[in-house]
Protein backbone atom coordinates (compact mmCIF):
# COMPACT_ATOMS: atom_id res chain seq x y z
CA MET A 1 0.00 0.00 0.00
CA ARG A 2 1.20 3.53 -0.76
CA ILE A 3 0.96 5.63 2.41
CA ALA A 4 1.74 9.25 3.22
CA VAL A 5 2.20 10.36 6.82
CA ILE A 6 1.87 14.10 7.34
CA GLY A 7 3.42 14.97 10.68
CA SER A 8 6.62 13.66 12.24
CA GLY A 9 5.82 13.80 15.93
CA VAL A 10 5.88 10.62 18.01
CA ILE A 11 2.68 9.18 16.55
CA GLY A 12 3.61 10.10 12.98
CA GLN A 13 7.10 8.65 13.34
CA THR A 14 5.80 5.48 14.98
CA LEU A 15 3.29 4.84 12.19
CA THR A 16 5.93 5.64 9.58
CA ARG A 17 8.33 3.09 11.07
CA THR A 18 5.63 0.47 11.57
CA PHE A 19 4.24 0.59 8.04
CA SER A 20 7.57 0.88 6.26
CA ALA A 21 8.86 -2.08 8.30
CA GLY A 22 5.74 -3.95 7.19
CA GLY A 23 6.61 -3.48 3.54
CA HIS A 24 4.41 -0.51 2.63
CA ASP A 25 5.69 2.33 0.45
CA VAL A 26 5.70 5.21 2.94
CA HIS A 27 6.50 8.89 2.48
CA VAL A 28 6.64 11.14 5.54
CA ALA A 29 6.51 14.92 5.67
CA ASN A 30 6.28 17.75 8.16
CA SER A 31 5.93 21.54 8.02
CA ARG A 32 9.68 22.17 8.27
CA GLY A 33 10.95 20.25 5.25
CA PRO A 34 12.24 16.74 4.46
CA GLU A 35 15.74 17.50 5.74
CA THR A 36 14.32 17.80 9.28
CA ILE A 37 12.75 14.32 9.39
CA ASP A 38 14.41 12.24 12.09
CA ALA A 39 16.57 9.48 10.61
CA ALA A 40 14.91 6.99 12.96
CA ALA A 41 11.64 7.44 11.08
CA LEU A 42 13.37 6.37 7.85
CA GLU A 43 15.14 3.33 9.28
CA TYR A 44 12.94 0.78 7.51
CA GLY A 45 12.86 2.39 4.09
CA ALA A 46 10.40 5.27 4.40
CA HIS A 47 11.15 8.37 2.32
CA ALA A 48 11.26 11.96 3.56
CA ALA A 49 9.36 14.34 1.28
CA THR A 50 7.64 17.68 1.14
CA ALA A 51 4.00 17.50 2.17
CA ALA A 52 2.86 18.43 -1.35
CA ASP A 53 4.88 15.58 -2.85
CA ALA A 54 4.07 13.07 -0.13
CA VAL A 55 0.31 13.03 -0.76
CA GLN A 56 0.60 12.41 -4.51
CA GLY A 57 -0.31 8.95 -5.79
CA LYS A 58 -1.12 7.51 -2.37
CA ASP A 59 -3.76 5.01 -1.31
CA VAL A 60 -3.84 6.41 2.23
CA VAL A 61 -2.88 9.74 3.78
CA ILE A 62 -2.47 9.78 7.56
CA LEU A 63 -2.73 13.21 9.15
CA SER A 64 -0.81 13.38 12.41
CA VAL A 65 -0.74 17.13 12.94
CA PRO A 66 -2.12 19.18 15.87
CA PHE A 67 -5.88 19.62 15.70
CA GLY A 68 -5.70 23.38 15.42
CA ARG A 69 -3.40 23.15 12.40
CA ILE A 70 -5.79 21.05 10.32
CA PRO A 71 -6.96 24.06 8.25
CA THR A 72 -3.36 24.79 7.24
CA VAL A 73 -3.01 21.43 5.47
CA ALA A 74 -6.36 21.52 3.66
CA GLY A 75 -4.72 22.82 0.47
CA LEU A 76 -2.70 19.61 0.17
CA PHE A 77 -5.82 17.76 -0.92
CA ALA A 78 -6.78 19.90 -3.92
CA SER A 79 -5.26 17.35 -6.30
CA VAL A 80 -5.74 14.21 -4.18
CA PRO A 81 -8.37 11.84 -5.65
CA GLY A 82 -11.57 11.36 -3.70
CA GLU A 83 -10.92 7.62 -3.31
CA THR A 84 -7.73 8.25 -1.31
CA VAL A 85 -8.39 7.31 2.30
CA VAL A 86 -7.59 10.16 4.69
CA ILE A 87 -7.09 9.19 8.34
CA ASP A 88 -6.95 11.82 11.07
CA THR A 89 -5.28 11.08 14.42
CA SER A 90 -5.77 14.47 16.11
CA ASN A 91 -7.71 15.58 19.20
CA TYR A 92 -9.03 18.93 20.35
CA PHE A 93 -7.37 20.40 23.42
CA PRO A 94 -8.25 24.11 23.68
CA HIS A 95 -5.25 24.93 25.87
CA LEU A 96 -2.99 23.73 23.02
CA SER A 97 -4.80 24.83 19.87
CA GLY A 98 -6.74 27.76 21.20
CA PRO A 99 -10.53 27.65 21.37
CA ILE A 100 -12.47 26.62 18.27
CA ASP A 101 -15.98 27.99 18.52
CA ALA A 102 -17.75 25.40 16.40
CA VAL A 103 -16.32 22.52 18.43
CA ASP A 104 -16.97 24.31 21.72
CA ARG A 105 -20.59 24.68 20.64
CA GLY A 106 -20.88 20.94 20.10
CA GLN A 107 -19.70 20.08 16.58
CA VAL A 108 -18.11 16.63 16.60
CA GLU A 109 -14.35 17.01 16.27
CA SER A 110 -14.09 14.62 13.33
CA LEU A 111 -16.87 16.38 11.44
CA TRP A 112 -15.08 19.70 11.97
CA VAL A 113 -11.90 18.18 10.52
CA ALA A 114 -13.79 16.80 7.51
CA GLU A 115 -15.35 20.23 6.99
CA GLN A 116 -11.96 21.96 7.06
CA LEU A 117 -10.47 19.50 4.59
CA GLY A 118 -13.53 19.48 2.36
CA ARG A 119 -13.56 15.69 2.15
CA PRO A 120 -14.49 12.58 4.16
CA ILE A 121 -12.06 11.28 6.72
CA VAL A 122 -11.51 8.31 8.99
CA LYS A 123 -10.83 8.81 12.71
CA ALA A 124 -8.22 6.39 14.06
CA TRP A 125 -5.25 6.30 16.44
CA ASN A 126 -6.65 9.33 18.28
CA ALA A 127 -7.62 7.24 21.31
CA VAL A 128 -4.17 5.87 22.06
CA LEU A 129 -1.30 7.45 23.93
CA ALA A 130 1.92 7.90 21.97
CA GLY A 131 3.76 5.69 24.44
CA THR A 132 1.16 2.96 24.09
CA LEU A 133 1.43 3.09 20.31
CA GLN A 134 5.23 2.91 20.54
CA THR A 135 5.54 0.06 23.01
CA LYS A 136 2.38 -2.03 23.30
CA GLY A 137 1.54 -3.12 19.78
CA VAL A 138 1.50 -6.92 19.50
CA PRO A 139 0.53 -9.49 16.83
CA ALA A 140 -3.12 -10.35 16.28
CA GLY A 141 -4.32 -13.06 18.63
CA THR A 142 -1.98 -12.10 21.45
CA PRO A 143 -3.85 -12.32 24.78
CA GLY A 144 -4.56 -8.89 26.27
CA ARG A 145 -4.17 -7.07 22.95
CA ILE A 146 -5.35 -3.45 23.21
CA ALA A 147 -8.21 -2.38 20.94
CA LEU A 148 -8.61 0.98 19.18
CA PRO A 149 -11.80 2.51 17.76
CA VAL A 150 -12.08 3.42 14.08
CA ALA A 151 -14.89 5.67 12.82
CA ALA A 152 -15.80 6.66 9.26
CA ASP A 153 -18.85 7.29 7.12
CA ASN A 154 -17.49 5.24 4.23
CA ALA A 155 -17.45 1.52 5.00
CA GLU A 156 -14.55 0.77 2.62
CA ALA A 157 -12.41 3.57 4.05
CA ARG A 158 -13.16 2.27 7.55
CA ARG A 159 -12.14 -1.23 6.45
CA VAL A 160 -8.81 0.04 5.11
CA ALA A 161 -8.10 1.94 8.32
CA MET A 162 -9.04 -1.05 10.45
CA ARG A 163 -6.57 -3.18 8.51
CA LEU A 164 -3.83 -0.64 9.22
CA VAL A 165 -4.74 -0.42 12.90
CA ASP A 166 -4.39 -4.21 13.05
CA GLU A 167 -1.00 -3.97 11.33
CA SER A 168 0.09 -1.36 13.87
CA GLY A 169 -0.37 -3.94 16.62
CA PHE A 170 -3.85 -3.28 17.96
CA ASP A 171 -7.29 -4.83 17.56
CA PRO A 172 -9.45 -2.56 15.40
CA PHE A 173 -12.97 -1.86 16.63
CA ASP A 174 -15.65 -0.67 14.23
CA ALA A 175 -16.89 2.50 15.96
CA GLY A 176 -19.42 3.39 13.28
CA VAL A 177 -19.92 6.75 11.61
CA LEU A 178 -18.17 10.06 12.23
CA ALA A 179 -21.22 11.56 13.89
CA ASP A 180 -20.67 9.04 16.70
CA SER A 181 -16.91 9.53 16.91
CA TRP A 182 -17.34 11.91 19.85
CA ARG A 183 -17.45 8.68 21.84
CA GLN A 184 -13.68 8.26 21.30
CA GLN A 185 -12.74 11.89 21.94
CA PRO A 186 -10.95 13.11 25.11
CA MET A 187 -11.77 12.18 27.95
CA THR A 188 -14.38 9.53 27.27
CA PRO A 189 -14.13 6.02 28.77
CA ALA A 190 -12.62 4.70 25.51
CA TYR A 191 -9.97 7.41 25.26
CA CYS A 192 -6.43 6.27 26.10
CA THR A 193 -7.54 3.70 28.67
CA GLU A 194 -5.95 0.63 26.97
CA LEU A 195 -9.05 -1.55 26.81
CA GLY A 196 -9.44 -4.84 24.97
CA LEU A 197 -12.11 -5.64 22.40
CA GLU A 198 -14.60 -6.95 24.93
CA ASP A 199 -14.44 -3.78 27.00
CA LEU A 200 -14.09 -1.16 24.28
CA GLY A 201 -17.63 -1.47 22.94
CA PRO A 202 -19.26 -0.90 26.35
CA ALA A 203 -16.84 1.97 27.01
CA LEU A 204 -17.91 3.71 23.80
CA GLU A 205 -21.55 3.20 24.72
CA ALA A 206 -20.97 4.63 28.19
CA ALA A 207 -19.62 7.94 26.87
CA ASP A 208 -21.42 11.09 28.00
CA ARG A 209 -21.26 13.81 25.36
CA ASP A 210 -21.83 16.67 27.78
CA GLU A 211 -19.43 15.37 30.40
CA ALA A 212 -16.49 14.62 28.07
CA PRO A 213 -15.32 18.25 27.61
CA ARG A 214 -15.60 18.87 31.34
CA ASN A 215 -13.59 15.72 32.05
CA ARG A 216 -11.01 16.84 29.47
CA ASP A 217 -10.53 20.22 31.12
CA ARG A 218 -10.45 18.74 34.64
CA GLN A 219 -7.88 16.17 33.55
CA MET A 220 -5.67 18.82 32.00
CA GLU A 221 -5.77 20.70 35.31
CA ARG A 222 -4.78 17.52 37.15
CA PHE A 223 -1.84 16.94 34.82
CA ALA A 224 -0.74 20.57 35.12
CA ALA A 225 -0.68 20.25 38.91
CA LEU A 226 1.65 17.22 38.91
CA THR A 227 5.16 17.92 40.17
CA SER A 228 6.80 15.37 37.87
CA THR A 229 6.10 13.84 34.49
CA PRO A 230 3.87 10.76 34.97
CA MET A 231 4.89 7.40 33.58
CA LEU A 232 2.75 5.80 30.86
CA GLU A 233 0.98 3.46 33.26
CA GLU A 234 0.21 6.39 35.56
CA VAL A 235 -1.40 8.34 32.72
CA VAL A 236 -3.54 5.35 31.77
CA GLU A 237 -4.63 4.94 35.40
CA LEU A 238 -5.48 8.64 35.69
CA ASN A 239 -7.61 8.37 32.56
CA ARG A 240 -9.39 5.28 33.84
CA SER A 241 -10.01 6.90 37.21
CA LEU A 242 -12.27 9.50 35.57
CA HIS A 243 -14.87 6.82 34.92
CA ARG A 244 -15.05 4.93 38.20
C-alpha cells in the first residue's frame, strides 16, 4: 500500500516506522521540510518528502498534525483523488490549539476536521497514547491485545483503516460513523484507557457527550498540577479513574 504520513511527531514517526517495516511504500513529511525528518523514522525504508509531494499517488494519507493546524493542510488535498483514504489522528485540546468555537458549541471534532479539509475522513489512532502506540503493539491473537476505535462514514475507508490499525499492533474496533466519533474523543471512557475488544464497545456506549469536555478540562488541570512527568501506566490509570 502507498501511504503518506503528514506529521513527524511521536505518533507520525511510529506509524511511519511500523508501516515501512511492514513493507508498505511510505512517504513522511512535516511543516519544516524533508531534511528535518528524524533518521529513525526512515530506518525501515520510508522516504522523507515535502507534504505536497508526499500526498501524490497515495492510497492512504495519515494526518498526524495538531488539531488546530488542520486548516493549514487543507490545500494539500486539492489534487488528491476522492478515493484516497484520509485518516486523522488528532484531538481537540483548547489549551494547546486555542478555542475553536464550532467545536466548543458541540460540533463533533471529526466532522469539523472533515469540513476543514472538504472531504471525508476516517478517525483512528486518536484514542491511544503515543507511548502505548510505541511500546504495546503486539501481533493479532496475542492475549490482552489493546483495541482501538475506528470511525468513518465510508465503509470501505473504515475497512482500510481497520486493517492498518491491526498492522500497527492493535485490535481494530468498528466504531461506526463520524457523527458518533465523539465517543472516542478526550476524555471519554474509551480514550487512552488501553481496553481490549470486549471492554471497548461498552466503554464507547458509556460515553457522555456533555461530560467529556468537562472531564477533558479537569484532567488537564490535574496533569498541570503534577510535580513530575507521569509514567505511561500512571497516565492510563489517571484516565481510567475519571470513569469509576
